[in-house]
Amino acid sequence: MTDSSLLDTALIRVAQGRATARIAYALESLLTGGPVAEPDRLTLVARALEAAAGEDTGQPWGALHRLAPWQAVASDEEWPAVAGDHDCVLSTSSLPGVTHLFARGPAARYVWDLARRDDSLWAVPFGASGVPGDPHARDQLPRWSEGGPVPVVTDFARLRHVPLPTPSDRSSAR
């Protein structure tokens, strides 16, 4: 089998969602200067896209690609879909050919304005608090999953005290 036909088979399997993780992760190096000449790569990619376009999953990528964070105690919590992949603002990593669920993504996204701190923005995957039941435990998750930031508030006059939940509050929140 030639390098070109191996790449052709790999591309079609990836496009159809039948690739193994090893094939999917190898494609980047194959498509950006591997043993197959550039004109052949373009032809093979076009063929793979045509094959993928012929198969309708009925769902967009963002609906299939869902957050599945590691948890000490499993829960039935519904986690959001995220449209990103490993080389974009919504950077996440699933295991191609194995699952669309992902547990790896940015721990925080932020833009810090050194001249005017009040113009700084950030978002963390869950919320500003890691305490289950706290109002801020998941408050940034919708913005984070869309790639949108929230203002960084550092002015103590604008901050307000929110009491932390007690252990009994946490057990009723589950």
Foldseek 3Di string as FASTA:
>chain_A
DDPLVVLLVLLLCLLQQQHFLVSVVCNVVCQPDNPDDNVSSVVSNVVSPVSSVVDDPVDALQQFQWEDADDPDDDPDGTGGANDDCPDLQHFYDRGNPGSYTHDTDQKDWDADPVDRQPIWMAGQAFPDCAALFPGRRVRNVCSRHSHTDTDDDPPVPDDDDDDDDPVSRVVSD
